[in-house]
Amino acid sequence: MSRRMTIGCACGHTRLEVEGEPILVSECLCNSCRAAATRLAKLPGARRILTEYDATPSADYRKDRIRFVSGAESLREFRLASDAGSRRVVATCCNTPVFLEMKGAHWLSLYLHLWPENARPKATLRTMTGDLPDASALPADIPNLKSHTISFYAKLLTSWIAMGFRNPKITIAGTVDA
């Protein structure tokens, strides 16, 4: 039997069930993740999702291994620009960022603050450090990669093959301005 865990927003209204292990657990330092997280942190009652060195930690899960248990009606999307290829989704019940979805992706990047601290997956690498003006201050506890690697893309492709090349749609009823 595959491991299942229920995770959720800060107030507990919006809950998700994840099944199995993530494809990858990482901390992203790209310009758009940092900009979006900074803007979302300004929403009323929102919590900061960036680490002390401004990385966005997330666990990438196949969409077919995520199920919304409650609160899906409070989900709203946020885009850095109207034509952005990625969207962040926020639970507006408490303005908790929930996930990042890339256009056409078969996975969601679930933000690690959704897990209880004692059960939170641990990042195995930092990526997109090449977007930083100076990456020398980053901790050396895990690899600090300038961009995505072939291994990263191979993991995503392997998971997509396992899904039969499906890409389940995640419907969100509205937007949030940040």
N, C-alpha and C. Protein backbone atom coordinates (compact mmCIF):
# COMPACT_ATOMS: atom_id res chain seq x y z
N MET A 1 0.85 -1.20 0.00
CA MET A 1 0.00 0.00 0.00
C MET A 1 0.88 1.24 0.00
N SER A 2 0.50 2.19 -0.81
CA SER A 2 1.25 3.42 -0.95
C SER A 2 0.97 4.36 0.22
N ARG A 3 1.99 5.07 0.64
CA ARG A 3 1.87 6.01 1.75
C ARG A 3 1.01 7.20 1.34
N ARG A 4 0.06 7.56 2.20
CA ARG A 4 -0.79 8.73 1.98
C ARG A 4 -0.64 9.69 3.16
N MET A 5 -0.72 10.98 2.86
CA MET A 5 -0.63 11.97 3.91
C MET A 5 -1.56 13.12 3.57
N THR A 6 -2.24 13.64 4.58
CA THR A 6 -3.08 14.82 4.40
C THR A 6 -2.30 16.03 4.86
N ILE A 7 -2.28 17.05 4.01
CA ILE A 7 -1.57 18.30 4.28
C ILE A 7 -2.56 19.43 4.04
N GLY A 8 -2.22 20.66 4.44
CA GLY A 8 -3.18 21.72 4.20
C GLY A 8 -2.69 23.12 4.52
N CYS A 9 -3.61 24.04 4.31
CA CYS A 9 -3.35 25.46 4.51
C CYS A 9 -3.20 25.77 6.00
N ALA A 10 -2.83 27.00 6.30
CA ALA A 10 -2.57 27.41 7.68
C ALA A 10 -3.79 27.29 8.59
N CYS A 11 -4.99 27.59 8.07
CA CYS A 11 -6.18 27.53 8.93
C CYS A 11 -6.85 26.16 8.93
N GLY A 12 -6.43 25.27 8.04
CA GLY A 12 -6.97 23.91 8.01
C GLY A 12 -8.20 23.73 7.13
N HIS A 13 -8.70 24.79 6.52
CA HIS A 13 -9.89 24.68 5.67
C HIS A 13 -9.60 23.92 4.36
N THR A 14 -8.49 24.26 3.73
CA THR A 14 -8.12 23.63 2.47
C THR A 14 -7.14 22.51 2.74
N ARG A 15 -7.55 21.28 2.39
CA ARG A 15 -6.74 20.10 2.69
C ARG A 15 -6.56 19.27 1.43
N LEU A 16 -5.39 18.69 1.32
CA LEU A 16 -5.03 17.84 0.18
C LEU A 16 -4.49 16.53 0.72
N GLU A 17 -4.68 15.49 -0.05
CA GLU A 17 -4.07 14.21 0.25
C GLU A 17 -3.05 13.93 -0.83
N VAL A 18 -1.82 13.60 -0.41
CA VAL A 18 -0.78 13.22 -1.36
C VAL A 18 -0.48 11.75 -1.16
N GLU A 19 -0.19 11.08 -2.26
CA GLU A 19 0.07 9.66 -2.23
C GLU A 19 1.49 9.38 -2.70
N GLY A 20 2.18 8.54 -1.97
CA GLY A 20 3.53 8.14 -2.37
C GLY A 20 4.56 9.21 -2.10
N GLU A 21 5.71 8.98 -2.69
CA GLU A 21 6.83 9.91 -2.52
C GLU A 21 6.82 10.95 -3.64
N PRO A 22 7.34 12.13 -3.37
CA PRO A 22 7.42 13.15 -4.42
C PRO A 22 8.42 12.75 -5.50
N ILE A 23 8.25 13.33 -6.67
CA ILE A 23 9.20 13.16 -7.77
C ILE A 23 10.54 13.76 -7.35
N LEU A 24 10.48 14.92 -6.73
CA LEU A 24 11.67 15.67 -6.33
C LEU A 24 11.27 16.65 -5.23
N VAL A 25 12.18 16.92 -4.32
CA VAL A 25 11.99 17.96 -3.31
C VAL A 25 13.17 18.91 -3.46
N SER A 26 12.85 20.18 -3.70
CA SER A 26 13.92 21.14 -3.98
C SER A 26 13.58 22.52 -3.42
N GLU A 27 14.56 23.40 -3.52
CA GLU A 27 14.38 24.81 -3.20
C GLU A 27 14.74 25.59 -4.45
N CYS A 28 13.79 26.37 -4.96
CA CYS A 28 14.01 27.12 -6.20
C CYS A 28 14.41 28.56 -5.88
N LEU A 29 15.39 29.04 -6.61
CA LEU A 29 15.86 30.41 -6.44
C LEU A 29 15.71 31.23 -7.72
N CYS A 30 14.82 30.78 -8.62
CA CYS A 30 14.63 31.54 -9.86
C CYS A 30 13.97 32.88 -9.54
N ASN A 31 14.14 33.82 -10.45
CA ASN A 31 13.58 35.16 -10.25
C ASN A 31 12.07 35.13 -10.07
N SER A 32 11.36 34.33 -10.86
CA SER A 32 9.89 34.35 -10.77
C SER A 32 9.39 33.73 -9.47
N CYS A 33 10.00 32.65 -9.00
CA CYS A 33 9.55 32.07 -7.72
C CYS A 33 9.77 33.05 -6.57
N ARG A 34 10.92 33.72 -6.58
CA ARG A 34 11.20 34.68 -5.51
C ARG A 34 10.26 35.88 -5.59
N ALA A 35 10.01 36.38 -6.79
CA ALA A 35 9.11 37.54 -6.96
C ALA A 35 7.69 37.18 -6.56
N ALA A 36 7.21 36.02 -7.00
CA ALA A 36 5.84 35.61 -6.66
C ALA A 36 5.68 35.40 -5.16
N ALA A 37 6.64 34.74 -4.54
CA ALA A 37 6.55 34.49 -3.09
C ALA A 37 6.56 35.80 -2.31
N THR A 38 7.34 36.76 -2.75
CA THR A 38 7.39 38.07 -2.08
C THR A 38 6.05 38.78 -2.20
N ARG A 39 5.45 38.74 -3.38
CA ARG A 39 4.14 39.39 -3.57
C ARG A 39 3.05 38.67 -2.80
N LEU A 40 3.05 37.33 -2.82
CA LEU A 40 2.01 36.58 -2.09
C LEU A 40 2.10 36.78 -0.59
N ALA A 41 3.31 37.01 -0.07
CA ALA A 41 3.49 37.23 1.37
C ALA A 41 2.83 38.52 1.83
N LYS A 42 2.50 39.41 0.90
CA LYS A 42 1.87 40.68 1.26
C LYS A 42 0.35 40.59 1.36
N LEU A 43 -0.23 39.44 0.99
CA LEU A 43 -1.68 39.27 1.14
C LEU A 43 -2.03 39.28 2.62
N PRO A 44 -3.22 39.77 2.99
CA PRO A 44 -3.61 39.82 4.40
C PRO A 44 -3.54 38.43 5.07
N GLY A 45 -2.81 38.34 6.16
CA GLY A 45 -2.71 37.10 6.93
C GLY A 45 -1.82 36.04 6.32
N ALA A 46 -1.21 36.33 5.18
CA ALA A 46 -0.35 35.34 4.51
C ALA A 46 0.92 35.09 5.31
N ARG A 47 1.44 33.89 5.15
CA ARG A 47 2.73 33.59 5.77
C ARG A 47 3.80 33.56 4.70
N ARG A 48 4.98 33.89 5.11
CA ARG A 48 6.14 33.91 4.22
C ARG A 48 6.52 32.46 3.88
N ILE A 49 6.70 32.17 2.59
CA ILE A 49 7.10 30.82 2.21
C ILE A 49 8.57 30.73 1.83
N LEU A 50 9.24 31.86 1.71
CA LEU A 50 10.67 31.86 1.36
C LEU A 50 11.51 31.48 2.58
N THR A 51 12.62 30.80 2.31
CA THR A 51 13.59 30.50 3.37
C THR A 51 14.32 31.79 3.74
N GLU A 52 15.19 31.71 4.73
CA GLU A 52 15.95 32.90 5.13
C GLU A 52 16.89 33.38 4.03
N TYR A 53 17.21 32.55 3.05
CA TYR A 53 18.06 32.96 1.92
C TYR A 53 17.22 33.08 0.63
N ASP A 54 15.90 33.24 0.80
CA ASP A 54 14.95 33.55 -0.28
C ASP A 54 14.72 32.43 -1.30
N ALA A 55 14.85 31.19 -0.88
CA ALA A 55 14.50 30.06 -1.75
C ALA A 55 13.05 29.67 -1.49
N THR A 56 12.42 29.11 -2.52
CA THR A 56 11.05 28.61 -2.40
C THR A 56 11.10 27.08 -2.34
N PRO A 57 10.86 26.50 -1.16
CA PRO A 57 10.92 25.04 -1.03
C PRO A 57 9.60 24.38 -1.45
N SER A 58 9.72 23.30 -2.24
CA SER A 58 8.53 22.61 -2.70
C SER A 58 8.83 21.14 -2.98
N ALA A 59 7.75 20.36 -3.01
CA ALA A 59 7.80 18.95 -3.36
C ALA A 59 6.98 18.77 -4.63
N ASP A 60 7.59 18.20 -5.64
CA ASP A 60 6.92 17.98 -6.92
C ASP A 60 6.22 16.62 -6.89
N TYR A 61 4.90 16.64 -7.08
CA TYR A 61 4.07 15.43 -7.08
C TYR A 61 3.33 15.30 -8.40
N ARG A 62 3.21 14.07 -8.87
CA ARG A 62 2.36 13.80 -10.01
C ARG A 62 0.94 14.27 -9.68
N LYS A 63 0.27 14.88 -10.64
CA LYS A 63 -1.10 15.36 -10.41
C LYS A 63 -2.05 14.23 -10.04
N ASP A 64 -1.81 13.04 -10.57
CA ASP A 64 -2.70 11.93 -10.26
C ASP A 64 -2.46 11.35 -8.86
N ARG A 65 -1.53 11.94 -8.12
CA ARG A 65 -1.27 11.51 -6.75
C ARG A 65 -1.64 12.58 -5.73
N ILE A 66 -2.43 13.54 -6.18
CA ILE A 66 -2.91 14.62 -5.32
C ILE A 66 -4.43 14.66 -5.40
N ARG A 67 -5.06 14.75 -4.24
CA ARG A 67 -6.53 14.82 -4.20
C ARG A 67 -6.91 15.92 -3.21
N PHE A 68 -7.80 16.81 -3.63
CA PHE A 68 -8.28 17.85 -2.73
C PHE A 68 -9.38 17.26 -1.86
N VAL A 69 -9.18 17.27 -0.56
CA VAL A 69 -10.11 16.68 0.41
C VAL A 69 -11.17 17.70 0.82
N SER A 70 -10.74 18.95 1.01
CA SER A 70 -11.68 20.01 1.38
C SER A 70 -11.11 21.36 0.97
N GLY A 71 -11.98 22.34 0.84
CA GLY A 71 -11.58 23.71 0.61
C GLY A 71 -11.19 24.07 -0.81
N ALA A 72 -11.40 23.18 -1.78
CA ALA A 72 -11.01 23.49 -3.16
C ALA A 72 -11.71 24.74 -3.68
N GLU A 73 -12.89 25.03 -3.13
CA GLU A 73 -13.63 26.22 -3.58
C GLU A 73 -12.92 27.53 -3.20
N SER A 74 -11.98 27.48 -2.27
CA SER A 74 -11.26 28.70 -1.86
C SER A 74 -9.97 28.90 -2.65
N LEU A 75 -9.66 28.01 -3.57
CA LEU A 75 -8.43 28.14 -4.34
C LEU A 75 -8.58 29.20 -5.43
N ARG A 76 -7.57 30.05 -5.54
CA ARG A 76 -7.52 31.08 -6.57
C ARG A 76 -6.12 31.12 -7.14
N GLU A 77 -6.04 31.47 -8.42
CA GLU A 77 -4.73 31.51 -9.07
C GLU A 77 -4.14 32.91 -9.05
N PHE A 78 -2.82 32.95 -9.06
CA PHE A 78 -2.06 34.20 -9.15
C PHE A 78 -1.00 34.00 -10.22
N ARG A 79 -0.89 34.98 -11.11
CA ARG A 79 0.14 34.97 -12.15
C ARG A 79 0.94 36.26 -12.04
N LEU A 80 2.23 36.15 -12.24
CA LEU A 80 3.08 37.35 -12.21
C LEU A 80 2.70 38.33 -13.31
N ALA A 81 2.26 37.81 -14.45
CA ALA A 81 1.78 38.62 -15.57
C ALA A 81 0.63 37.87 -16.21
N SER A 82 -0.24 38.57 -16.89
CA SER A 82 -1.43 37.93 -17.47
C SER A 82 -1.08 36.83 -18.47
N ASP A 83 0.07 36.93 -19.12
CA ASP A 83 0.47 35.92 -20.10
C ASP A 83 1.51 34.94 -19.55
N ALA A 84 1.69 34.90 -18.24
CA ALA A 84 2.68 34.00 -17.63
C ALA A 84 2.31 32.54 -17.88
N GLY A 85 3.32 31.74 -18.14
CA GLY A 85 3.11 30.31 -18.37
C GLY A 85 2.96 29.50 -17.11
N SER A 86 3.18 30.10 -15.98
CA SER A 86 3.02 29.39 -14.71
C SER A 86 2.03 30.14 -13.84
N ARG A 87 1.42 29.39 -12.96
CA ARG A 87 0.50 30.02 -12.00
C ARG A 87 0.77 29.46 -10.62
N ARG A 88 0.63 30.33 -9.64
CA ARG A 88 0.66 29.91 -8.25
C ARG A 88 -0.78 29.89 -7.79
N VAL A 89 -1.10 28.94 -6.92
CA VAL A 89 -2.47 28.82 -6.44
C VAL A 89 -2.47 29.01 -4.93
N VAL A 90 -3.42 29.84 -4.47
CA VAL A 90 -3.51 30.27 -3.08
C VAL A 90 -4.86 29.83 -2.50
N ALA A 91 -4.84 29.36 -1.26
CA ALA A 91 -6.08 29.10 -0.53
C ALA A 91 -6.48 30.43 0.11
N THR A 92 -7.53 31.05 -0.40
CA THR A 92 -7.91 32.39 0.04
C THR A 92 -8.58 32.40 1.41
N CYS A 93 -8.88 31.24 1.96
CA CYS A 93 -9.44 31.20 3.32
C CYS A 93 -8.46 31.83 4.31
N CYS A 94 -7.15 31.66 4.07
CA CYS A 94 -6.12 32.23 4.95
C CYS A 94 -4.92 32.75 4.15
N ASN A 95 -5.09 32.85 2.83
CA ASN A 95 -4.05 33.33 1.91
C ASN A 95 -2.76 32.52 1.99
N THR A 96 -2.91 31.20 2.10
CA THR A 96 -1.76 30.29 2.09
C THR A 96 -1.45 29.87 0.66
N PRO A 97 -0.23 30.15 0.17
CA PRO A 97 0.17 29.61 -1.12
C PRO A 97 0.17 28.07 -1.04
N VAL A 98 -0.43 27.42 -2.04
CA VAL A 98 -0.57 25.96 -2.01
C VAL A 98 0.35 25.30 -3.03
N PHE A 99 0.31 25.75 -4.28
CA PHE A 99 1.18 25.10 -5.26
C PHE A 99 1.51 26.02 -6.43
N LEU A 100 2.51 25.58 -7.18
CA LEU A 100 2.91 26.18 -8.44
C LEU A 100 2.60 25.16 -9.53
N GLU A 101 1.98 25.62 -10.61
CA GLU A 101 1.72 24.75 -11.76
C GLU A 101 2.31 25.41 -13.00
N MET A 102 3.16 24.67 -13.68
CA MET A 102 3.72 25.12 -14.94
C MET A 102 2.75 24.77 -16.07
N LYS A 103 2.66 25.60 -17.08
CA LYS A 103 1.76 25.35 -18.21
C LYS A 103 2.12 24.01 -18.86
N GLY A 104 1.11 23.15 -19.01
CA GLY A 104 1.30 21.86 -19.64
C GLY A 104 1.93 20.80 -18.78
N ALA A 105 2.18 21.10 -17.52
CA ALA A 105 2.88 20.16 -16.64
C ALA A 105 1.95 19.06 -16.12
N HIS A 106 2.53 17.90 -15.89
CA HIS A 106 1.80 16.76 -15.33
C HIS A 106 2.03 16.65 -13.82
N TRP A 107 2.69 17.62 -13.24
CA TRP A 107 2.99 17.64 -11.81
C TRP A 107 2.63 18.99 -11.22
N LEU A 108 2.51 19.02 -9.90
CA LEU A 108 2.36 20.26 -9.15
C LEU A 108 3.52 20.37 -8.17
N SER A 109 4.01 21.57 -7.99
CA SER A 109 5.03 21.85 -6.97
C SER A 109 4.29 22.34 -5.73
N LEU A 110 4.13 21.45 -4.76
CA LEU A 110 3.42 21.78 -3.52
C LEU A 110 4.40 22.44 -2.55
N TYR A 111 4.01 23.58 -2.00
CA TYR A 111 4.89 24.29 -1.08
C TYR A 111 5.04 23.51 0.23
N LEU A 112 6.28 23.42 0.71
CA LEU A 112 6.58 22.56 1.85
C LEU A 112 5.94 23.00 3.17
N HIS A 113 5.54 24.26 3.29
CA HIS A 113 4.91 24.69 4.55
C HIS A 113 3.53 24.04 4.75
N LEU A 114 3.01 23.34 3.74
CA LEU A 114 1.72 22.65 3.89
C LEU A 114 1.83 21.42 4.80
N TRP A 115 3.01 20.87 4.93
CA TRP A 115 3.24 19.70 5.79
C TRP A 115 3.49 20.15 7.22
N PRO A 116 3.08 19.34 8.20
CA PRO A 116 3.52 19.62 9.57
C PRO A 116 5.05 19.58 9.60
N GLU A 117 5.66 20.42 10.39
CA GLU A 117 7.11 20.53 10.38
C GLU A 117 7.82 19.19 10.58
N ASN A 118 7.28 18.35 11.46
CA ASN A 118 7.94 17.08 11.76
C ASN A 118 7.78 16.04 10.65
N ALA A 119 6.93 16.30 9.66
CA ALA A 119 6.70 15.36 8.56
C ALA A 119 7.09 15.95 7.20
N ARG A 120 7.64 17.13 7.23
CA ARG A 120 7.96 17.86 6.00
C ARG A 120 9.07 17.16 5.22
N PRO A 121 8.86 16.96 3.92
CA PRO A 121 9.95 16.39 3.10
C PRO A 121 11.16 17.32 3.10
N LYS A 122 12.33 16.74 2.99
CA LYS A 122 13.58 17.52 3.00
C LYS A 122 14.06 17.74 1.56
N ALA A 123 14.43 18.97 1.28
CA ALA A 123 14.97 19.28 -0.03
C ALA A 123 16.30 18.56 -0.23
N THR A 124 16.50 18.09 -1.46
CA THR A 124 17.75 17.39 -1.79
C THR A 124 18.66 18.24 -2.66
N LEU A 125 18.14 19.38 -3.13
CA LEU A 125 18.97 20.29 -3.92
C LEU A 125 18.31 21.65 -4.01
N ARG A 126 19.13 22.64 -4.34
CA ARG A 126 18.65 23.98 -4.68
C ARG A 126 18.89 24.15 -6.17
N THR A 127 17.95 24.78 -6.84
CA THR A 127 18.10 24.96 -8.27
C THR A 127 17.92 26.43 -8.65
N MET A 128 18.38 26.75 -9.82
CA MET A 128 18.28 28.09 -10.41
C MET A 128 19.07 29.14 -9.61
N THR A 129 20.16 28.72 -8.98
CA THR A 129 20.99 29.67 -8.24
C THR A 129 21.68 30.65 -9.19
N GLY A 130 21.70 30.32 -10.48
CA GLY A 130 22.27 31.22 -11.48
C GLY A 130 21.50 32.52 -11.61
N ASP A 131 20.25 32.55 -11.11
CA ASP A 131 19.47 33.79 -11.14
C ASP A 131 19.88 34.77 -10.04
N LEU A 132 20.65 34.30 -9.08
CA LEU A 132 21.07 35.18 -7.97
C LEU A 132 22.26 36.03 -8.38
N PRO A 133 22.32 37.27 -7.90
CA PRO A 133 23.50 38.09 -8.19
C PRO A 133 24.77 37.50 -7.55
N ASP A 134 24.59 36.85 -6.37
CA ASP A 134 25.72 36.24 -5.66
C ASP A 134 25.20 35.04 -4.88
N ALA A 135 25.54 33.86 -5.33
CA ALA A 135 25.07 32.63 -4.67
C ALA A 135 26.04 32.13 -3.60
N SER A 136 27.10 32.87 -3.34
CA SER A 136 28.13 32.40 -2.41
C SER A 136 27.64 32.31 -0.96
N ALA A 137 26.57 33.01 -0.62
CA ALA A 137 26.07 32.98 0.76
C ALA A 137 25.12 31.81 1.03
N LEU A 138 24.80 31.03 0.01
CA LEU A 138 23.89 29.90 0.21
C LEU A 138 24.53 28.82 1.06
N PRO A 139 23.75 28.14 1.88
CA PRO A 139 24.31 27.03 2.66
C PRO A 139 24.85 25.94 1.72
N ALA A 140 25.82 25.20 2.20
CA ALA A 140 26.42 24.12 1.40
C ALA A 140 25.91 22.75 1.85
N ASP A 141 24.74 22.72 2.48
CA ASP A 141 24.20 21.46 3.02
C ASP A 141 23.65 20.52 1.95
N ILE A 142 23.24 21.08 0.81
CA ILE A 142 22.75 20.31 -0.34
C ILE A 142 23.33 20.96 -1.59
N PRO A 143 23.32 20.27 -2.73
CA PRO A 143 23.87 20.90 -3.94
C PRO A 143 23.13 22.18 -4.32
N ASN A 144 23.90 23.18 -4.72
CA ASN A 144 23.38 24.47 -5.19
C ASN A 144 23.62 24.54 -6.69
N LEU A 145 22.60 24.21 -7.48
CA LEU A 145 22.75 24.09 -8.92
C LEU A 145 22.34 25.38 -9.62
N LYS A 146 23.12 25.76 -10.63
CA LYS A 146 22.84 27.01 -11.36
C LYS A 146 21.54 26.94 -12.13
N SER A 147 21.15 25.76 -12.61
CA SER A 147 19.91 25.60 -13.37
C SER A 147 19.38 24.19 -13.17
N HIS A 148 18.33 23.85 -13.89
CA HIS A 148 17.81 22.49 -13.82
C HIS A 148 18.78 21.54 -14.53
N THR A 149 18.83 20.30 -14.07
CA THR A 149 19.78 19.34 -14.61
C THR A 149 19.06 18.31 -15.48
N ILE A 150 19.83 17.54 -16.22
CA ILE A 150 19.27 16.45 -17.01
C ILE A 150 18.57 15.46 -16.09
N SER A 151 19.11 15.22 -14.91
CA SER A 151 18.49 14.33 -13.93
C SER A 151 17.10 14.83 -13.53
N PHE A 152 16.96 16.12 -13.35
CA PHE A 152 15.67 16.73 -13.02
C PHE A 152 14.65 16.41 -14.11
N TYR A 153 15.02 16.68 -15.36
CA TYR A 153 14.11 16.42 -16.48
C TYR A 153 13.84 14.94 -16.65
N ALA A 154 14.82 14.10 -16.39
CA ALA A 154 14.63 12.64 -16.49
C ALA A 154 13.61 12.16 -15.47
N LYS A 155 13.66 12.69 -14.25
CA LYS A 155 12.68 12.32 -13.22
C LYS A 155 11.27 12.72 -13.65
N LEU A 156 11.14 13.91 -14.21
CA LEU A 156 9.83 14.36 -14.67
C LEU A 156 9.33 13.49 -15.81
N LEU A 157 10.19 13.17 -16.76
CA LEU A 157 9.79 12.34 -17.88
C LEU A 157 9.40 10.94 -17.41
N THR A 158 10.16 10.37 -16.51
CA THR A 158 9.84 9.04 -15.98
C THR A 158 8.47 9.03 -15.30
N SER A 159 8.18 10.08 -14.56
CA SER A 159 6.87 10.15 -13.89
C SER A 159 5.75 10.32 -14.91
N TRP A 160 6.00 11.06 -15.98
CA TRP A 160 4.97 11.27 -17.00
C TRP A 160 4.70 9.98 -17.76
N ILE A 161 5.74 9.22 -18.03
CA ILE A 161 5.57 7.91 -18.67
C ILE A 161 4.72 7.02 -17.77
N ALA A 162 5.03 7.01 -16.47
CA ALA A 162 4.27 6.19 -15.51
C ALA A 162 2.80 6.61 -15.45
N MET A 163 2.50 7.85 -15.80
CA MET A 163 1.12 8.35 -15.82
C MET A 163 0.44 8.09 -17.16
N GLY A 164 1.13 7.44 -18.08
CA GLY A 164 0.56 7.20 -19.41
C GLY A 164 0.45 8.48 -20.22
N PHE A 165 1.37 9.41 -20.00
CA PHE A 165 1.42 10.70 -20.69
C PHE A 165 0.14 11.53 -20.50
N ARG A 166 -0.54 11.31 -19.39
CA ARG A 166 -1.73 12.10 -19.08
C ARG A 166 -1.31 13.39 -18.38
N ASN A 167 -2.18 14.37 -18.45
CA ASN A 167 -1.97 15.63 -17.76
C ASN A 167 -3.30 16.08 -17.17
N PRO A 168 -3.66 15.57 -15.98
CA PRO A 168 -4.94 15.97 -15.39
C PRO A 168 -5.03 17.49 -15.21
N LYS A 169 -6.18 18.04 -15.51
CA LYS A 169 -6.41 19.48 -15.37
C LYS A 169 -6.82 19.80 -13.93
N ILE A 170 -6.33 20.91 -13.43
CA ILE A 170 -6.68 21.41 -12.12
C ILE A 170 -7.48 22.69 -12.35
N THR A 171 -8.77 22.63 -12.11
CA THR A 171 -9.64 23.79 -12.34
C THR A 171 -9.68 24.66 -11.09
N ILE A 172 -9.45 25.94 -11.29
CA ILE A 172 -9.46 26.93 -10.21
C ILE A 172 -10.50 27.98 -10.55
N ALA A 173 -11.33 28.33 -9.57
CA ALA A 173 -12.45 29.25 -9.80
C ALA A 173 -12.10 30.68 -9.45
N GLY A 174 -11.23 31.28 -10.23
CA GLY A 174 -10.97 32.69 -10.00
C GLY A 174 -9.51 33.01 -9.78
N THR A 175 -9.27 34.29 -9.53
CA THR A 175 -7.90 34.79 -9.37
C THR A 175 -7.78 35.56 -8.06
N VAL A 176 -6.54 35.80 -7.70
CA VAL A 176 -6.24 36.65 -6.55
C VAL A 176 -5.20 37.67 -7.02
N ASP A 177 -5.33 38.90 -6.57
CA ASP A 177 -4.37 39.95 -6.91
C ASP A 177 -3.41 40.11 -5.76
N ALA A 178 -2.13 40.11 -6.11
CA ALA A 178 -1.10 40.30 -5.10
C ALA A 178 -0.07 41.27 -5.59
